[in-house]
Amino acid sequence: MSVEARRREYLKALEIDVYTMRESNAEAEPADNSAGEQDDGSPLDWDALRRVVSNCTRCQLHQGRTQTVFGVGSQSADWMIIGEAPGAEEDRRGEPFVGRAGKLLDEMLRAVNLSRDTVFIANILKCRPPNNRDPSAEEMASCRSYLARQIELISPKIILAVGRIAAQHLLETDAPLGSLRGKKHQLVDGQVPVIVTYHPAYLLRSPTQKRKAWQDLCFARQVMDQQVL
């Protein structure tokens, strides 16, 4: 049995769901699927990655953007918050999760003694889809390596996936968000726990679900505490 197969059997025995970053089908695969390298052949550092993202033309979304939305927060954060895609205000300001949804996310973070400065917040997509429609498989594939490199650079202790699309893409599943909540998933190499919760924009439309989101945050905090023991 290979090392990878043995690891998966071990995690299965612990009742931990294991996933990898979503790989798109051949029709959705962009021509260039790497985050690129620096001139000396080394992987992109933060500044170089930001420059590459800001000049990206991999998919058609670059044609209508005001600017890319790279992400904000601490580059050495223990927590990484990953959402779906920028909206109109995010596209205008170049920062993820602003406006009413952003304020609610800030409140959610404060509830577990975190802040926008101590976590890192990013999206699956770095450009806004027209009319805030759902991202296509091709668009998510085009941005996939950028997010993967951000995760590598940050090396977070936990990822909080907010919203159905972010959760399904990260965990390579079509399962509904409700069935993904309340479980400890694993990303990439089995070392990064992923916890799923509702998107703040959804909570603004369905405030009765805020209690469940609070339960998700408490669960994430519990998983995080176990990580640092």
Protein backbone atom coordinates (compact mmCIF):
# COMPACT_ATOMS: atom_id res chain seq x y z
CA MET A 1 0.00 0.00 0.00
CA SER A 2 1.32 3.45 -0.93
CA VAL A 3 1.98 6.14 1.67
CA GLU A 4 -0.94 8.17 0.33
CA ALA A 5 -3.32 5.20 0.47
CA ARG A 6 -2.20 4.39 4.01
CA ARG A 7 -2.73 8.01 5.06
CA ARG A 8 -6.25 8.02 3.63
CA GLU A 9 -7.11 4.77 5.40
CA TYR A 10 -5.84 6.27 8.67
CA LEU A 11 -7.92 9.44 8.25
CA LYS A 12 -10.96 7.36 7.28
CA ALA A 13 -10.58 5.34 10.47
CA LEU A 14 -10.64 8.63 12.40
CA GLU A 15 -13.84 9.59 10.54
CA ILE A 16 -12.16 12.59 8.93
CA ASP A 17 -13.32 13.47 5.41
CA VAL A 18 -10.39 13.98 3.03
CA TYR A 19 -10.53 16.06 -0.12
CA THR A 20 -8.15 17.65 -2.61
CA MET A 21 -8.36 20.92 -4.53
CA ARG A 22 -10.94 20.58 -7.30
CA GLU A 23 -9.53 19.58 -10.69
CA SER A 24 -11.73 20.69 -13.56
CA ASN A 25 -12.56 18.54 -16.57
CA ALA A 26 -10.63 18.81 -19.80
CA GLU A 27 -13.08 21.29 -21.35
CA ALA A 28 -12.66 23.68 -18.42
CA GLU A 29 -8.88 23.40 -18.12
CA PRO A 30 -7.06 26.63 -19.00
CA ALA A 31 -4.01 26.60 -21.23
CA ASP A 32 -1.75 27.78 -18.41
CA ASN A 33 -2.54 26.12 -15.10
CA SER A 34 0.51 27.08 -13.06
CA ALA A 35 0.99 30.08 -10.80
CA GLY A 36 4.31 30.64 -12.57
CA GLU A 37 7.88 31.10 -11.41
CA GLN A 38 10.23 33.97 -10.88
CA ASP A 39 13.05 34.65 -13.30
CA ASP A 40 15.44 32.50 -11.26
CA GLY A 41 13.04 29.54 -11.41
CA SER A 42 11.93 29.81 -7.78
CA PRO A 43 8.22 29.78 -6.88
CA LEU A 44 6.40 33.09 -6.83
CA ASP A 45 6.71 35.05 -3.59
CA TRP A 46 3.94 37.31 -2.32
CA ASP A 47 4.86 40.40 -4.34
CA ALA A 48 5.43 38.45 -7.55
CA LEU A 49 2.18 36.51 -7.12
CA ARG A 50 0.27 39.74 -6.56
CA ARG A 51 1.74 41.21 -9.76
CA VAL A 52 0.86 38.10 -11.77
CA VAL A 53 -2.72 38.14 -10.47
CA SER A 54 -3.15 41.86 -11.15
CA ASN A 55 -2.16 41.34 -14.79
CA CYS A 56 -3.99 38.05 -15.32
CA THR A 57 -5.89 37.52 -18.58
CA ARG A 58 -6.49 33.76 -18.30
CA CYS A 59 -10.26 34.00 -18.63
CA GLN A 60 -12.79 36.46 -20.01
CA LEU A 61 -13.47 38.05 -16.61
CA HIS A 62 -10.46 40.34 -16.98
CA GLN A 63 -12.33 42.21 -19.71
CA GLY A 64 -14.92 43.62 -17.32
CA ARG A 65 -13.06 44.04 -14.06
CA THR A 66 -12.09 47.32 -12.43
CA GLN A 67 -9.24 45.55 -10.67
CA THR A 68 -8.37 42.12 -9.31
CA VAL A 69 -9.15 41.26 -5.69
CA PHE A 70 -6.06 39.50 -4.42
CA GLY A 71 -6.90 39.13 -0.73
CA VAL A 72 -6.19 40.91 2.54
CA GLY A 73 -4.87 40.13 5.99
CA SER A 74 -1.86 38.59 7.63
CA GLN A 75 0.55 36.67 5.42
CA SER A 76 1.34 34.44 8.40
CA ALA A 77 -2.27 33.93 9.50
CA ASP A 78 -3.39 30.79 11.30
CA TRP A 79 -6.90 31.21 9.87
CA MET A 80 -7.66 31.55 6.15
CA ILE A 81 -11.16 32.60 5.10
CA ILE A 82 -12.10 31.63 1.54
CA GLY A 83 -15.20 32.86 -0.24
CA GLU A 84 -16.59 32.65 -3.75
CA ALA A 85 -15.86 35.75 -5.83
CA PRO A 86 -15.73 39.54 -5.61
CA GLY A 87 -18.92 41.56 -5.90
CA ALA A 88 -19.40 45.06 -7.28
CA GLU A 89 -18.04 46.85 -4.20
CA GLU A 90 -15.11 44.45 -3.91
CA ASP A 91 -14.29 45.03 -7.58
CA ARG A 92 -14.34 48.79 -7.00
CA ARG A 93 -12.21 48.75 -3.86
CA GLY A 94 -9.96 45.78 -4.60
CA GLU A 95 -10.67 44.13 -1.25
CA PRO A 96 -12.72 41.00 -0.48
CA PHE A 97 -15.79 41.01 1.74
CA VAL A 98 -16.66 44.68 2.02
CA GLY A 99 -20.08 46.30 2.30
CA ARG A 100 -22.79 44.76 4.47
CA ALA A 101 -21.55 41.19 4.00
CA GLY A 102 -18.03 42.29 4.91
CA LYS A 103 -19.23 44.00 8.08
CA LEU A 104 -21.07 40.84 9.10
CA LEU A 105 -17.96 38.75 8.43
CA ASP A 106 -15.95 41.14 10.62
CA GLU A 107 -18.51 40.66 13.40
CA MET A 108 -18.34 36.89 12.99
CA LEU A 109 -14.56 37.01 13.31
CA ARG A 110 -14.69 39.25 16.36
CA ALA A 111 -17.05 36.76 18.00
CA VAL A 112 -14.18 34.25 18.08
CA ASN A 113 -11.52 36.84 18.96
CA LEU A 114 -10.22 37.31 15.42
CA SER A 115 -10.03 40.30 13.10
CA ARG A 116 -9.46 41.11 9.44
CA ASP A 117 -5.84 41.90 10.29
CA THR A 118 -5.11 38.57 11.99
CA VAL A 119 -6.65 36.25 9.37
CA PHE A 120 -6.19 36.12 5.60
CA ILE A 121 -9.30 36.58 3.46
CA ALA A 122 -9.41 35.50 -0.18
CA ASN A 123 -11.82 34.26 -2.83
CA ILE A 124 -11.88 31.37 -5.28
CA LEU A 125 -11.99 33.96 -8.08
CA LYS A 126 -9.85 37.11 -8.21
CA CYS A 127 -12.17 38.92 -10.66
CA ARG A 128 -15.87 39.73 -10.40
CA PRO A 129 -18.29 37.70 -12.55
CA PRO A 130 -20.81 39.92 -14.39
CA ASN A 131 -23.95 40.65 -12.38
CA ASN A 132 -22.49 38.57 -9.52
CA ARG A 133 -23.44 35.34 -11.26
CA ASP A 134 -22.00 32.01 -10.13
CA PRO A 135 -18.44 31.34 -11.34
CA SER A 136 -18.07 28.91 -14.22
CA ALA A 137 -15.88 25.81 -14.03
CA GLU A 138 -13.45 27.37 -16.50
CA GLU A 139 -13.13 30.56 -14.44
CA MET A 140 -12.48 28.65 -11.24
CA ALA A 141 -9.90 26.48 -13.00
CA SER A 142 -8.15 29.60 -14.28
CA CYS A 143 -7.76 30.96 -10.74
CA ARG A 144 -7.08 27.66 -9.01
CA SER A 145 -3.29 27.85 -8.95
CA TYR A 146 -3.35 31.39 -7.57
CA LEU A 147 -5.35 30.31 -4.55
CA ALA A 148 -3.25 27.16 -4.15
CA ARG A 149 -0.08 29.28 -4.05
CA GLN A 150 -1.65 31.61 -1.48
CA ILE A 151 -2.42 28.61 0.71
CA GLU A 152 1.17 27.38 0.31
CA LEU A 153 2.61 30.77 1.24
CA ILE A 154 0.36 31.28 4.26
CA SER A 155 0.39 27.66 5.45
CA PRO A 156 -2.73 28.24 7.59
CA LYS A 157 -3.65 26.01 10.49
CA ILE A 158 -7.32 26.07 9.45
CA ILE A 159 -9.44 27.14 6.47
CA LEU A 160 -12.99 28.46 6.84
CA ALA A 161 -14.90 27.99 3.58
CA VAL A 162 -17.82 30.40 3.44
CA GLY A 163 -20.65 29.61 1.08
CA ARG A 164 -21.66 26.65 -1.06
CA ILE A 165 -19.54 27.37 -4.13
CA ALA A 166 -16.32 27.93 -2.18
CA ALA A 167 -16.88 24.80 -0.13
CA GLN A 168 -17.75 22.59 -3.10
CA HIS A 169 -14.80 23.81 -5.13
CA LEU A 170 -12.27 23.43 -2.33
CA LEU A 171 -13.52 20.00 -1.31
CA GLU A 172 -14.27 18.69 -4.81
CA THR A 173 -17.81 17.70 -4.03
CA ASP A 174 -21.34 18.42 -5.14
CA ALA A 175 -22.73 17.82 -1.66
CA PRO A 176 -25.09 20.52 -0.36
CA LEU A 177 -23.64 22.98 2.11
CA GLY A 178 -25.87 21.70 4.90
CA SER A 179 -24.32 18.24 4.72
CA LEU A 180 -20.78 19.71 4.78
CA ARG A 181 -21.31 21.75 7.93
CA GLY A 182 -20.33 20.40 11.33
CA LYS A 183 -17.58 18.17 9.94
CA LYS A 184 -13.81 18.39 9.88
CA HIS A 185 -12.65 18.09 6.29
CA GLN A 186 -9.06 18.05 5.07
CA LEU A 187 -7.48 19.90 2.16
CA VAL A 188 -4.56 19.06 -0.13
CA ASP A 189 -2.03 17.07 1.93
CA GLY A 190 -4.29 16.16 4.83
CA GLN A 191 -2.67 18.74 7.08
CA VAL A 192 -5.08 21.68 6.66
CA PRO A 193 -8.51 21.29 8.30
CA VAL A 194 -11.42 22.85 6.41
CA ILE A 195 -14.61 23.93 8.16
CA VAL A 196 -17.67 24.96 6.14
CA THR A 197 -20.17 27.67 7.02
CA TYR A 198 -22.70 29.98 5.42
CA HIS A 199 -21.74 33.01 3.34
CA PRO A 200 -22.39 36.31 5.16
CA ALA A 201 -24.51 37.52 2.22
CA TYR A 202 -26.78 34.49 2.72
CA LEU A 203 -27.01 35.24 6.44
CA LEU A 204 -28.15 38.78 5.66
CA ARG A 205 -31.01 37.29 3.63
CA SER A 206 -31.70 34.51 6.15
CA PRO A 207 -30.89 35.90 9.61
CA THR A 208 -32.46 32.88 11.32
CA GLN A 209 -29.43 30.88 10.15
CA LYS A 210 -26.98 33.02 12.12
CA ARG A 211 -27.23 30.65 15.08
CA LYS A 212 -25.98 27.82 12.86
CA ALA A 213 -23.13 30.01 11.62
CA TRP A 214 -22.18 30.68 15.24
CA GLN A 215 -22.11 26.92 15.84
CA ASP A 216 -19.79 26.56 12.83
CA LEU A 217 -17.44 29.20 14.22
CA CYS A 218 -17.37 27.54 17.63
CA PHE A 219 -16.62 24.22 15.95
CA ALA A 220 -13.84 25.84 13.91
CA ARG A 221 -12.37 27.32 17.09
CA GLN A 222 -12.49 23.90 18.73
CA VAL A 223 -10.69 22.31 15.75
CA MET A 224 -8.15 25.14 15.80
CA ASP A 225 -7.47 24.65 19.51
CA GLN A 226 -6.82 20.96 18.85
CA GLN A 227 -4.36 21.92 16.10
CA VAL A 228 -2.17 23.95 18.46
CA LEU A 229 -2.11 21.45 21.33
